[in-house]
Amino acid sequence: MGRLWLCLLALPALFGLAAPQEKVTAQIQAHPPAPTMYHQLMLSCEVAGDPGPQEFLWEKEGHRDPLQKGPSNVLLFRSFNKTHLGTYTCRATGSRGTAVATYNLWTDDLVNKVFVFPQATNDSHVVVRAKPEQPLQNFTLCLRSYTDLTRPHGLFSYATKAQDNDILLFKPKPGEYRLYVGGKFVAFRVPEGVMASEHVCASWESATGIVSFWLNGKPWPRKGLQRGYAVGAEAAILLGQEQDAFGGGFDAQKSFVGEMCSVYMWDTGISTSGVRAAMDDLPADAPIFGWRNFPYTTVGEVYLKP
């Protein structure tokens, strides 16, 4: 029986048959996914199906000459600006042929604009079309909101399939903010002042569990939460609702009504000076996503207004 199986396994080789080879494909990825003006941006040409492409040719639509040709799959912009906007092509050539990928590099600068959530609903929200490239050991979240709500409402919701409140910025009442990490929260009491917009930032680090909080650029006493935890990277990121399930599970009585803007997220901590720069929409460090290039889709009754 052993000899019979040996003969059967040898038949494809005798007749010149071979297993079908994987098709060579290429894809261009941006790092960070939502680039910020005047910060570093890297485009990488990732190839599948070829163990070792030997040459990468980078071109830009409207340019006669190639931008770069050689063994590097990376196109680097040390200070990304409007002159770099356009459509890019990467041609990766190796032993198994050439694969081609294109990438549209544009920005959506929302400075001096706000999202308006006009009424309570169980479906209206903003989807943030960006996410971290790997699990988060640290993060900072900043945003500005303007509302007269006195009931509980969700501002920023980051859900993974394992944990619907992996990150949640929630306001249960006018005088309190809660930051959830991995389903647990710390609360920060704030003054109930006159009707005005509020700019908040919250920062968390896994190594110590320390949570830092700022209201209108002023730091609050630090607290601790979820030391050693890691926030998942595969996330549904929404504004204006609290997710009780991945990408859904909304409750109209926890929905946001009002205006929101200047939303930023980093995979690092932040200083008080960095918070104040974000208040002016002039971030000192490139975020995962931010208001100067905000990748979003509105769902339901949400409007972008001056």
C-alpha atoms as a PDB file:
ATOM      1  CA  MET A   1       0.000   0.000   0.000  1.00  0.00           C
ATOM      2  CA  GLY A   2       2.889   2.370   0.809  1.00  0.00           C
ATOM      3  CA  ARG A   3       4.330   1.891  -2.732  1.00  0.00           C
ATOM      4  CA  LEU A   4       0.910   2.585  -4.318  1.00  0.00           C
ATOM      5  CA  TRP A   5       0.605   5.961  -2.539  1.00  0.00           C
ATOM      6  CA  LEU A   6       4.169   6.830  -3.555  1.00  0.00           C
ATOM      7  CA  CYS A   7       3.324   6.181  -7.203  1.00  0.00           C
ATOM      8  CA  LEU A   8       0.160   8.264  -7.017  1.00  0.00           C
ATOM      9  CA  LEU A   9       2.042  11.194  -5.468  1.00  0.00           C
ATOM     10  CA  ALA A  10       4.670  10.973  -8.195  1.00  0.00           C
ATOM     11  CA  LEU A  11       2.166  11.091 -11.086  1.00  0.00           C
ATOM     12  CA  PRO A  12       1.809  14.927 -11.211  1.00  0.00           C
ATOM     13  CA  ALA A  13       5.568  15.306 -11.532  1.00  0.00           C
ATOM     14  CA  LEU A  14       5.783  12.637 -14.289  1.00  0.00           C
ATOM     15  CA  PHE A  15       3.137  14.388 -16.388  1.00  0.00           C
ATOM     16  CA  GLY A  16       4.492  17.893 -15.775  1.00  0.00           C
ATOM     17  CA  LEU A  17       1.588  18.919 -13.565  1.00  0.00           C
ATOM     18  CA  ALA A  18       2.107  21.475 -10.783  1.00  0.00           C
ATOM     19  CA  ALA A  19      -0.073  23.024  -8.137  1.00  0.00           C
ATOM     20  CA  PRO A  20      -1.607  26.349  -9.268  1.00  0.00           C
ATOM     21  CA  GLN A  21       0.461  29.317  -8.165  1.00  0.00           C
ATOM     22  CA  GLU A  22      -0.971  32.224  -6.186  1.00  0.00           C
ATOM     23  CA  LYS A  23      -1.677  35.300  -8.299  1.00  0.00           C
ATOM     24  CA  VAL A  24       0.750  38.159  -7.717  1.00  0.00           C
ATOM     25  CA  THR A  25      -1.068  41.225  -6.352  1.00  0.00           C
ATOM     26  CA  ALA A  26      -0.019  44.584  -4.930  1.00  0.00           C
ATOM     27  CA  GLN A  27      -1.634  47.042  -2.557  1.00  0.00           C
ATOM     28  CA  ILE A  28      -0.527  50.517  -1.436  1.00  0.00           C
ATOM     29  CA  GLN A  29      -0.935  51.329   2.252  1.00  0.00           C
ATOM     30  CA  ALA A  30      -0.566  54.720   3.946  1.00  0.00           C
ATOM     31  CA  HIS A  31       1.184  55.137   7.308  1.00  0.00           C
ATOM     32  CA  PRO A  32      -0.544  56.779   9.133  1.00  0.00           C
ATOM     33  CA  PRO A  33      -3.830  55.802   7.434  1.00  0.00           C
ATOM     34  CA  ALA A  34      -5.170  59.381   7.646  1.00  0.00           C
ATOM     35  CA  PRO A  35      -2.133  61.632   7.057  1.00  0.00           C
ATOM     36  CA  THR A  36      -1.828  65.076   8.607  1.00  0.00           C
ATOM     37  CA  MET A  37      -0.450  68.085   6.769  1.00  0.00           C
ATOM     38  CA  TYR A  38       3.206  68.950   7.474  1.00  0.00           C
ATOM     39  CA  HIS A  39       3.899  65.613   9.177  1.00  0.00           C
ATOM     40  CA  GLN A  40       5.685  62.559   7.813  1.00  0.00           C
ATOM     41  CA  LEU A  41       3.744  60.211   5.533  1.00  0.00           C
ATOM     42  CA  MET A  42       4.891  56.863   4.157  1.00  0.00           C
ATOM     43  CA  LEU A  43       3.280  54.917   1.299  1.00  0.00           C
ATOM     44  CA  SER A  44       4.279  51.259   1.176  1.00  0.00           C
ATOM     45  CA  CYS A  45       3.695  48.891  -1.751  1.00  0.00           C
ATOM     46  CA  GLU A  46       2.787  45.504  -0.250  1.00  0.00           C
ATOM     47  CA  VAL A  47       3.058  42.492  -2.591  1.00  0.00           C
ATOM     48  CA  ALA A  48       1.406  39.068  -2.170  1.00  0.00           C
ATOM     49  CA  GLY A  49       2.196  35.963  -4.229  1.00  0.00           C
ATOM     50  CA  ASP A  50       5.846  36.763  -4.974  1.00  0.00           C
ATOM     51  CA  PRO A  51       8.515  35.863  -2.405  1.00  0.00           C
ATOM     52  CA  GLY A  52      10.790  38.715  -3.405  1.00  0.00           C
ATOM     53  CA  PRO A  53       9.975  41.553  -5.847  1.00  0.00           C
ATOM     54  CA  GLN A  54      13.249  43.069  -7.011  1.00  0.00           C
ATOM     55  CA  GLU A  55      12.111  46.456  -8.314  1.00  0.00           C
ATOM     56  CA  PHE A  56       9.458  49.002  -7.392  1.00  0.00           C
ATOM     57  CA  LEU A  57       8.526  51.805  -9.790  1.00  0.00           C
ATOM     58  CA  TRP A  58       6.558  54.715  -8.270  1.00  0.00           C
ATOM     59  CA  GLU A  59       4.652  57.118 -10.522  1.00  0.00           C
ATOM     60  CA  LYS A  60       2.191  59.959 -10.012  1.00  0.00           C
ATOM     61  CA  GLU A  61      -0.661  60.770 -12.362  1.00  0.00           C
ATOM     62  CA  GLY A  62       0.158  63.903 -14.372  1.00  0.00           C
ATOM     63  CA  HIS A  63       3.940  63.548 -13.903  1.00  0.00           C
ATOM     64  CA  ARG A  64       5.952  62.474 -16.939  1.00  0.00           C
ATOM     65  CA  ASP A  65       8.965  61.090 -15.072  1.00  0.00           C
ATOM     66  CA  PRO A  66       8.888  58.337 -12.425  1.00  0.00           C
ATOM     67  CA  LEU A  67       9.120  59.496  -8.820  1.00  0.00           C
ATOM     68  CA  GLN A  68      11.288  56.606  -7.669  1.00  0.00           C
ATOM     69  CA  LYS A  69      12.695  53.337  -9.044  1.00  0.00           C
ATOM     70  CA  GLY A  70      14.635  50.711  -7.115  1.00  0.00           C
ATOM     71  CA  PRO A  71      14.471  47.935  -4.516  1.00  0.00           C
ATOM     72  CA  SER A  72      12.588  49.944  -1.864  1.00  0.00           C
ATOM     73  CA  ASN A  73       8.821  49.467  -1.595  1.00  0.00           C
ATOM     74  CA  VAL A  74       8.462  52.720   0.390  1.00  0.00           C
ATOM     75  CA  LEU A  75       7.701  56.214  -0.915  1.00  0.00           C
ATOM     76  CA  LEU A  76       8.438  58.729   1.858  1.00  0.00           C
ATOM     77  CA  PHE A  77       7.076  62.275   2.292  1.00  0.00           C
ATOM     78  CA  ARG A  78       8.993  63.924   5.118  1.00  0.00           C
ATOM     79  CA  SER A  79       6.562  66.873   5.311  1.00  0.00           C
ATOM     80  CA  PHE A  80       3.283  65.965   3.617  1.00  0.00           C
ATOM     81  CA  ASN A  81       1.545  68.966   2.026  1.00  0.00           C
ATOM     82  CA  LYS A  82      -0.987  69.864  -0.681  1.00  0.00           C
ATOM     83  CA  THR A  83       1.563  69.516  -3.496  1.00  0.00           C
ATOM     84  CA  HIS A  84       1.655  65.784  -2.757  1.00  0.00           C
ATOM     85  CA  LEU A  85      -2.066  65.234  -3.331  1.00  0.00           C
ATOM     86  CA  GLY A  86      -2.965  63.048  -6.311  1.00  0.00           C
ATOM     87  CA  THR A  87      -3.100  59.486  -7.599  1.00  0.00           C
ATOM     88  CA  TYR A  88      -0.038  57.252  -7.171  1.00  0.00           C
ATOM     89  CA  THR A  89       0.889  54.001  -8.912  1.00  0.00           C
ATOM     90  CA  CYS A  90       3.312  51.315  -7.786  1.00  0.00           C
ATOM     91  CA  ARG A  91       4.627  48.677 -10.232  1.00  0.00           C
ATOM     92  CA  ALA A  92       6.298  45.812  -8.402  1.00  0.00           C
ATOM     93  CA  THR A  93       8.375  43.507 -10.633  1.00  0.00           C
ATOM     94  CA  GLY A  94       9.842  40.185  -9.571  1.00  0.00           C
ATOM     95  CA  SER A  95      10.518  36.673 -10.785  1.00  0.00           C
ATOM     96  CA  ARG A  96       6.818  35.991 -11.257  1.00  0.00           C
ATOM     97  CA  GLY A  97       5.918  39.118 -13.216  1.00  0.00           C
ATOM     98  CA  THR A  98       4.628  42.606 -12.440  1.00  0.00           C
ATOM     99  CA  ALA A  99       1.827  43.649 -10.102  1.00  0.00           C
ATOM    100  CA  VAL A 100       0.287  47.137 -10.215  1.00  0.00           C
ATOM    101  CA  ALA A 101      -1.479  49.089  -7.450  1.00  0.00           C
ATOM    102  CA  THR A 102      -2.932  52.601  -7.338  1.00  0.00           C
ATOM    103  CA  TYR A 103      -3.696  54.912  -4.406  1.00  0.00           C
ATOM    104  CA  ASN A 104      -5.701  58.153  -4.265  1.00  0.00           C
ATOM    105  CA  LEU A 105      -4.037  60.526  -1.808  1.00  0.00           C
ATOM    106  CA  TRP A 106      -6.470  63.276  -0.836  1.00  0.00           C
ATOM    107  CA  THR A 107      -7.390  65.072   2.382  1.00  0.00           C
ATOM    108  CA  ASP A 108     -10.661  66.172   3.961  1.00  0.00           C
ATOM    109  CA  ASP A 109      -9.785  69.156   6.155  1.00  0.00           C
ATOM    110  CA  LEU A 110     -12.754  69.957   8.415  1.00  0.00           C
ATOM    111  CA  VAL A 111     -11.317  72.979  10.212  1.00  0.00           C
ATOM    112  CA  ASN A 112     -14.066  75.559  10.937  1.00  0.00           C
ATOM    113  CA  LYS A 113     -16.752  72.907  10.409  1.00  0.00           C
ATOM    114  CA  VAL A 114     -18.825  70.874  12.872  1.00  0.00           C
ATOM    115  CA  PHE A 115     -21.006  67.785  12.800  1.00  0.00           C
ATOM    116  CA  VAL A 116     -24.560  68.675  13.803  1.00  0.00           C
ATOM    117  CA  PHE A 117     -26.656  65.942  15.426  1.00  0.00           C
ATOM    118  CA  PRO A 118     -30.101  67.637  15.426  1.00  0.00           C
ATOM    119  CA  GLN A 119     -32.193  65.114  17.352  1.00  0.00           C
ATOM    120  CA  ALA A 120     -32.127  61.925  19.371  1.00  0.00           C
ATOM    121  CA  THR A 121     -32.232  58.776  17.217  1.00  0.00           C
ATOM    122  CA  ASN A 122     -31.281  55.118  17.459  1.00  0.00           C
ATOM    123  CA  ASP A 123     -29.329  55.183  14.189  1.00  0.00           C
ATOM    124  CA  SER A 124     -27.722  58.570  13.408  1.00  0.00           C
ATOM    125  CA  HIS A 125     -23.940  58.619  13.875  1.00  0.00           C
ATOM    126  CA  VAL A 126     -20.599  59.288  12.201  1.00  0.00           C
ATOM    127  CA  VAL A 127     -18.375  56.370  11.193  1.00  0.00           C
ATOM    128  CA  VAL A 128     -14.639  57.070  11.408  1.00  0.00           C
ATOM    129  CA  ARG A 129     -13.029  55.265   8.465  1.00  0.00           C
ATOM    130  CA  ALA A 130      -9.610  54.742  10.024  1.00  0.00           C
ATOM    131  CA  LYS A 131      -8.177  52.490  12.696  1.00  0.00           C
ATOM    132  CA  PRO A 132      -4.876  51.697  14.390  1.00  0.00           C
ATOM    133  CA  GLU A 133      -2.435  49.428  12.589  1.00  0.00           C
ATOM    134  CA  GLN A 134      -1.882  47.334  15.732  1.00  0.00           C
ATOM    135  CA  PRO A 135      -3.359  46.918  19.253  1.00  0.00           C
ATOM    136  CA  LEU A 136      -3.079  50.018  21.420  1.00  0.00           C
ATOM    137  CA  GLN A 137      -0.812  50.102  24.458  1.00  0.00           C
ATOM    138  CA  ASN A 138      -1.404  53.853  24.741  1.00  0.00           C
ATOM    139  CA  PHE A 139      -3.893  56.295  23.287  1.00  0.00           C
ATOM    140  CA  THR A 140      -5.068  59.885  23.460  1.00  0.00           C
ATOM    141  CA  LEU A 141      -8.522  61.073  22.428  1.00  0.00           C
ATOM    142  CA  CYS A 142      -9.565  64.714  22.030  1.00  0.00           C
ATOM    143  CA  LEU A 143     -12.803  66.343  20.857  1.00  0.00           C
ATOM    144  CA  ARG A 144     -14.972  69.410  21.292  1.00  0.00           C
ATOM    145  CA  SER A 145     -18.731  69.151  21.909  1.00  0.00           C
ATOM    146  CA  TYR A 146     -21.573  71.626  22.383  1.00  0.00           C
ATOM    147  CA  THR A 147     -24.885  70.438  23.804  1.00  0.00           C
ATOM    148  CA  ASP A 148     -27.640  71.272  26.278  1.00  0.00           C
ATOM    149  CA  LEU A 149     -28.357  67.622  27.079  1.00  0.00           C
ATOM    150  CA  THR A 150     -28.770  66.721  30.751  1.00  0.00           C
ATOM    151  CA  ARG A 151     -29.330  62.987  30.162  1.00  0.00           C
ATOM    152  CA  PRO A 152     -26.560  60.414  29.542  1.00  0.00           C
ATOM    153  CA  HIS A 153     -25.009  60.390  26.064  1.00  0.00           C
ATOM    154  CA  GLY A 154     -22.122  58.816  24.188  1.00  0.00           C
ATOM    155  CA  LEU A 155     -19.554  61.003  22.445  1.00  0.00           C
ATOM    156  CA  PHE A 156     -16.892  58.635  21.103  1.00  0.00           C
ATOM    157  CA  SER A 157     -17.302  54.855  20.871  1.00  0.00           C
ATOM    158  CA  TYR A 158     -14.538  52.393  19.907  1.00  0.00           C
ATOM    159  CA  ALA A 159     -15.847  48.827  19.872  1.00  0.00           C
ATOM    160  CA  THR A 160     -14.119  45.559  19.051  1.00  0.00           C
ATOM    161  CA  LYS A 161     -15.778  42.189  18.579  1.00  0.00           C
ATOM    162  CA  ALA A 162     -14.432  41.118  21.960  1.00  0.00           C
ATOM    163  CA  GLN A 163     -15.430  44.299  23.867  1.00  0.00           C
ATOM    164  CA  ASP A 164     -18.085  46.850  22.856  1.00  0.00           C
ATOM    165  CA  ASN A 165     -16.648  49.453  25.250  1.00  0.00           C
ATOM    166  CA  ASP A 166     -12.964  48.970  24.453  1.00  0.00           C
ATOM    167  CA  ILE A 167     -12.785  52.779  24.417  1.00  0.00           C
ATOM    168  CA  LEU A 168     -15.784  54.944  25.245  1.00  0.00           C
ATOM    169  CA  LEU A 169     -16.009  58.632  26.131  1.00  0.00           C
ATOM    170  CA  PHE A 170     -19.364  58.986  27.862  1.00  0.00           C
ATOM    171  CA  LYS A 171     -21.122  61.816  29.662  1.00  0.00           C
ATOM    172  CA  PRO A 172     -23.706  60.495  32.159  1.00  0.00           C
ATOM    173  CA  LYS A 173     -24.668  64.003  33.340  1.00  0.00           C
ATOM    174  CA  PRO A 174     -23.549  67.617  32.803  1.00  0.00           C
ATOM    175  CA  GLY A 175     -21.007  67.508  35.639  1.00  0.00           C
ATOM    176  CA  GLU A 176     -19.220  64.255  34.798  1.00  0.00           C
ATOM    177  CA  TYR A 177     -17.213  62.537  32.065  1.00  0.00           C
ATOM    178  CA  ARG A 178     -16.386  58.832  32.019  1.00  0.00           C
ATOM    179  CA  LEU A 179     -13.579  57.157  30.102  1.00  0.00           C
ATOM    180  CA  TYR A 180     -14.018  53.427  29.531  1.00  0.00           C
ATOM    181  CA  VAL A 181     -11.109  51.146  28.634  1.00  0.00           C
ATOM    182  CA  GLY A 182     -11.798  47.444  28.145  1.00  0.00           C
ATOM    183  CA  GLY A 183     -15.286  47.757  29.653  1.00  0.00           C
ATOM    184  CA  LYS A 184     -14.217  49.492  32.898  1.00  0.00           C
ATOM    185  CA  PHE A 185     -14.300  53.225  33.586  1.00  0.00           C
ATOM    186  CA  VAL A 186     -12.960  56.115  35.615  1.00  0.00           C
ATOM    187  CA  ALA A 187     -15.029  59.254  36.206  1.00  0.00           C
ATOM    188  CA  PHE A 188     -13.952  62.898  36.193  1.00  0.00           C
ATOM    189  CA  ARG A 189     -16.221  65.488  37.800  1.00  0.00           C
ATOM    190  CA  VAL A 190     -16.327  68.841  36.005  1.00  0.00           C
ATOM    191  CA  PRO A 191     -18.033  72.180  36.757  1.00  0.00           C
ATOM    192  CA  GLU A 192     -21.569  72.747  35.533  1.00  0.00           C
ATOM    193  CA  GLY A 193     -21.020  76.194  34.095  1.00  0.00           C
ATOM    194  CA  VAL A 194     -22.687  78.459  31.584  1.00  0.00           C
ATOM    195  CA  MET A 195     -23.754  77.155  28.184  1.00  0.00           C
ATOM    196  CA  ALA A 196     -20.514  76.765  26.209  1.00  0.00           C
ATOM    197  CA  SER A 197     -18.649  74.223  24.132  1.00  0.00           C
ATOM    198  CA  GLU A 198     -16.301  71.901  26.020  1.00  0.00           C
ATOM    199  CA  HIS A 199     -12.982  70.623  24.735  1.00  0.00           C
ATOM    200  CA  VAL A 200     -11.869  67.387  26.402  1.00  0.00           C
ATOM    201  CA  CYS A 201      -8.834  65.147  26.037  1.00  0.00           C
ATOM    202  CA  ALA A 202      -8.277  61.789  27.721  1.00  0.00           C
ATOM    203  CA  SER A 203      -5.052  59.796  27.621  1.00  0.00           C
ATOM    204  CA  TRP A 204      -4.346  56.243  28.827  1.00  0.00           C
ATOM    205  CA  GLU A 205      -1.151  54.163  29.094  1.00  0.00           C
ATOM    206  CA  SER A 206      -1.128  50.407  29.559  1.00  0.00           C
ATOM    207  CA  ALA A 207       2.207  50.143  31.387  1.00  0.00           C
ATOM    208  CA  THR A 208       0.904  52.029  34.459  1.00  0.00           C
ATOM    209  CA  GLY A 209      -2.840  52.231  33.792  1.00  0.00           C
ATOM    210  CA  ILE A 210      -2.657  56.001  34.334  1.00  0.00           C
ATOM    211  CA  VAL A 211      -5.505  58.034  32.831  1.00  0.00           C
ATOM    212  CA  SER A 212      -4.996  61.751  32.247  1.00  0.00           C
ATOM    213  CA  PHE A 213      -7.887  64.124  31.567  1.00  0.00           C
ATOM    214  CA  TRP A 214      -8.064  67.741  30.391  1.00  0.00           C
ATOM    215  CA  LEU A 215     -11.060  70.074  30.190  1.00  0.00           C
ATOM    216  CA  ASN A 216     -10.584  73.161  28.018  1.00  0.00           C
ATOM    217  CA  GLY A 217      -6.813  72.713  28.215  1.00  0.00           C
ATOM    218  CA  LYS A 218      -6.663  72.364  32.010  1.00  0.00           C
ATOM    219  CA  PRO A 219      -5.363  69.063  33.441  1.00  0.00           C
ATOM    220  CA  TRP A 220      -7.387  67.192  36.084  1.00  0.00           C
ATOM    221  CA  PRO A 221      -5.852  64.917  38.778  1.00  0.00           C
ATOM    222  CA  ARG A 222      -4.763  61.639  37.177  1.00  0.00           C
ATOM    223  CA  LYS A 223      -6.378  58.287  37.946  1.00  0.00           C
ATOM    224  CA  GLY A 224      -5.730  54.609  37.137  1.00  0.00           C
ATOM    225  CA  LEU A 225      -7.501  52.016  34.988  1.00  0.00           C
ATOM    226  CA  GLN A 226      -6.773  48.643  33.339  1.00  0.00           C
ATOM    227  CA  ARG A 227      -3.007  48.407  33.865  1.00  0.00           C
ATOM    228  CA  GLY A 228      -1.485  45.894  31.405  1.00  0.00           C
ATOM    229  CA  TYR A 229      -4.504  45.875  29.081  1.00  0.00           C
ATOM    230  CA  ALA A 230      -4.270  46.158  25.272  1.00  0.00           C
ATOM    231  CA  VAL A 231      -7.029  47.763  23.185  1.00  0.00           C
ATOM    232  CA  GLY A 232      -7.856  45.773  20.045  1.00  0.00           C
ATOM    233  CA  ALA A 233      -7.004  47.154  16.605  1.00  0.00           C
ATOM    234  CA  GLU A 234      -9.955  45.734  14.613  1.00  0.00           C
ATOM    235  CA  ALA A 235     -12.528  48.291  15.675  1.00  0.00           C
ATOM    236  CA  ALA A 236     -15.760  50.046  14.771  1.00  0.00           C
ATOM    237  CA  ILE A 237     -15.203  53.733  15.630  1.00  0.00           C
ATOM    238  CA  LEU A 238     -18.282  55.973  15.896  1.00  0.00           C
ATOM    239  CA  LEU A 239     -19.265  59.465  17.023  1.00  0.00           C
ATOM    240  CA  GLY A 240     -22.612  60.312  18.593  1.00  0.00           C
ATOM    241  CA  GLN A 241     -23.734  56.881  19.809  1.00  0.00           C
ATOM    242  CA  GLU A 242     -22.720  54.256  22.343  1.00  0.00           C
ATOM    243  CA  GLN A 243     -22.228  50.789  20.832  1.00  0.00           C
ATOM    244  CA  ASP A 244     -23.716  47.896  22.781  1.00  0.00           C
ATOM    245  CA  ALA A 245     -22.657  45.555  19.975  1.00  0.00           C
ATOM    246  CA  PHE A 246     -19.928  45.752  17.321  1.00  0.00           C
ATOM    247  CA  GLY A 247     -21.074  48.546  14.974  1.00  0.00           C
ATOM    248  CA  GLY A 248     -24.586  48.784  16.475  1.00  0.00           C
ATOM    249  CA  GLY A 249     -26.820  48.195  19.470  1.00  0.00           C
ATOM    250  CA  PHE A 250     -27.730  51.885  19.747  1.00  0.00           C
ATOM    251  CA  ASP A 251     -30.163  53.453  22.235  1.00  0.00           C
ATOM    252  CA  ALA A 252     -31.812  56.763  21.322  1.00  0.00           C
ATOM    253  CA  GLN A 253     -31.804  57.750  25.006  1.00  0.00           C
ATOM    254  CA  LYS A 254     -27.990  57.619  24.982  1.00  0.00           C
ATOM    255  CA  SER A 255     -27.514  59.339  21.613  1.00  0.00           C
ATOM    256  CA  PHE A 256     -25.772  62.699  21.280  1.00  0.00           C
ATOM    257  CA  VAL A 257     -27.691  65.834  20.293  1.00  0.00           C
ATOM    258  CA  GLY A 258     -25.691  68.956  19.531  1.00  0.00           C
ATOM    259  CA  GLU A 259     -22.457  69.849  17.733  1.00  0.00           C
ATOM    260  CA  MET A 260     -19.100  68.096  17.639  1.00  0.00           C
ATOM    261  CA  CYS A 261     -15.741  68.941  16.063  1.00  0.00           C
ATOM    262  CA  SER A 262     -11.939  68.808  16.450  1.00  0.00           C
ATOM    263  CA  VAL A 263     -11.836  65.028  16.899  1.00  0.00           C
ATOM    264  CA  TYR A 264      -8.325  63.525  17.164  1.00  0.00           C
ATOM    265  CA  MET A 265      -6.865  60.181  18.201  1.00  0.00           C
ATOM    266  CA  TRP A 266      -3.209  59.238  18.762  1.00  0.00           C
ATOM    267  CA  ASP A 267      -1.527  55.956  19.679  1.00  0.00           C
ATOM    268  CA  THR A 268       0.661  57.831  22.183  1.00  0.00           C
ATOM    269  CA  GLY A 269       0.296  59.974  25.268  1.00  0.00           C
ATOM    270  CA  ILE A 270       0.087  63.760  25.119  1.00  0.00           C
ATOM    271  CA  SER A 271       1.357  66.780  27.045  1.00  0.00           C
ATOM    272  CA  THR A 272      -0.686  69.764  28.186  1.00  0.00           C
ATOM    273  CA  SER A 273       0.943  71.848  25.445  1.00  0.00           C
ATOM    274  CA  GLY A 274      -0.091  69.165  22.938  1.00  0.00           C
ATOM    275  CA  VAL A 275      -3.668  69.342  24.216  1.00  0.00           C
ATOM    276  CA  ARG A 276      -3.725  73.103  23.736  1.00  0.00           C
ATOM    277  CA  ALA A 277      -2.367  72.722  20.205  1.00  0.00           C
ATOM    278  CA  ALA A 278      -5.172  70.252  19.431  1.00  0.00           C
ATOM    279  CA  MET A 279      -7.696  72.792  20.752  1.00  0.00           C
ATOM    280  CA  ASP A 280      -6.546  75.109  17.954  1.00  0.00           C
ATOM    281  CA  ASP A 281      -6.536  72.266  15.369  1.00  0.00           C
ATOM    282  CA  LEU A 282      -2.756  72.551  15.114  1.00  0.00           C
ATOM    283  CA  PRO A 283      -1.619  69.129  16.405  1.00  0.00           C
ATOM    284  CA  ALA A 284       2.055  68.879  17.264  1.00  0.00           C
ATOM    285  CA  ASP A 285       2.244  65.164  16.398  1.00  0.00           C
ATOM    286  CA  ALA A 286       0.589  63.206  13.597  1.00  0.00           C
ATOM    287  CA  PRO A 287      -2.541  61.396  14.849  1.00  0.00           C
ATOM    288  CA  ILE A 288      -4.089  58.108  13.734  1.00  0.00           C
ATOM    289  CA  PHE A 289      -6.863  60.388  12.463  1.00  0.00           C
ATOM    290  CA  GLY A 290      -7.711  64.012  13.082  1.00  0.00           C
ATOM    291  CA  TRP A 291      -9.830  66.980  12.071  1.00  0.00           C
ATOM    292  CA  ARG A 292      -7.275  68.266   9.526  1.00  0.00           C
ATOM    293  CA  ASN A 293      -7.865  65.106   7.461  1.00  0.00           C
ATOM    294  CA  PHE A 294     -10.908  63.341   8.849  1.00  0.00           C
ATOM    295  CA  PRO A 295     -11.978  60.095   7.123  1.00  0.00           C
ATOM    296  CA  TYR A 296     -15.694  59.759   7.814  1.00  0.00           C
ATOM    297  CA  THR A 297     -19.134  58.648   6.657  1.00  0.00           C
ATOM    298  CA  THR A 298     -22.351  60.050   8.107  1.00  0.00           C
ATOM    299  CA  VAL A 299     -25.233  57.679   8.797  1.00  0.00           C
ATOM    300  CA  GLY A 300     -28.776  58.923   9.321  1.00  0.00           C
ATOM    301  CA  GLU A 301     -29.461  62.510  10.322  1.00  0.00           C
ATOM    302  CA  VAL A 302     -26.023  64.070  10.829  1.00  0.00           C
ATOM    303  CA  TYR A 303     -24.906  67.164   8.935  1.00  0.00           C
ATOM    304  CA  LEU A 304     -21.516  68.816   8.348  1.00  0.00           C
ATOM    305  CA  LYS A 305     -21.937  72.589   8.766  1.00  0.00           C
ATOM    306  CA  PRO A 306     -19.726  75.707   9.091  1.00  0.00           C
END
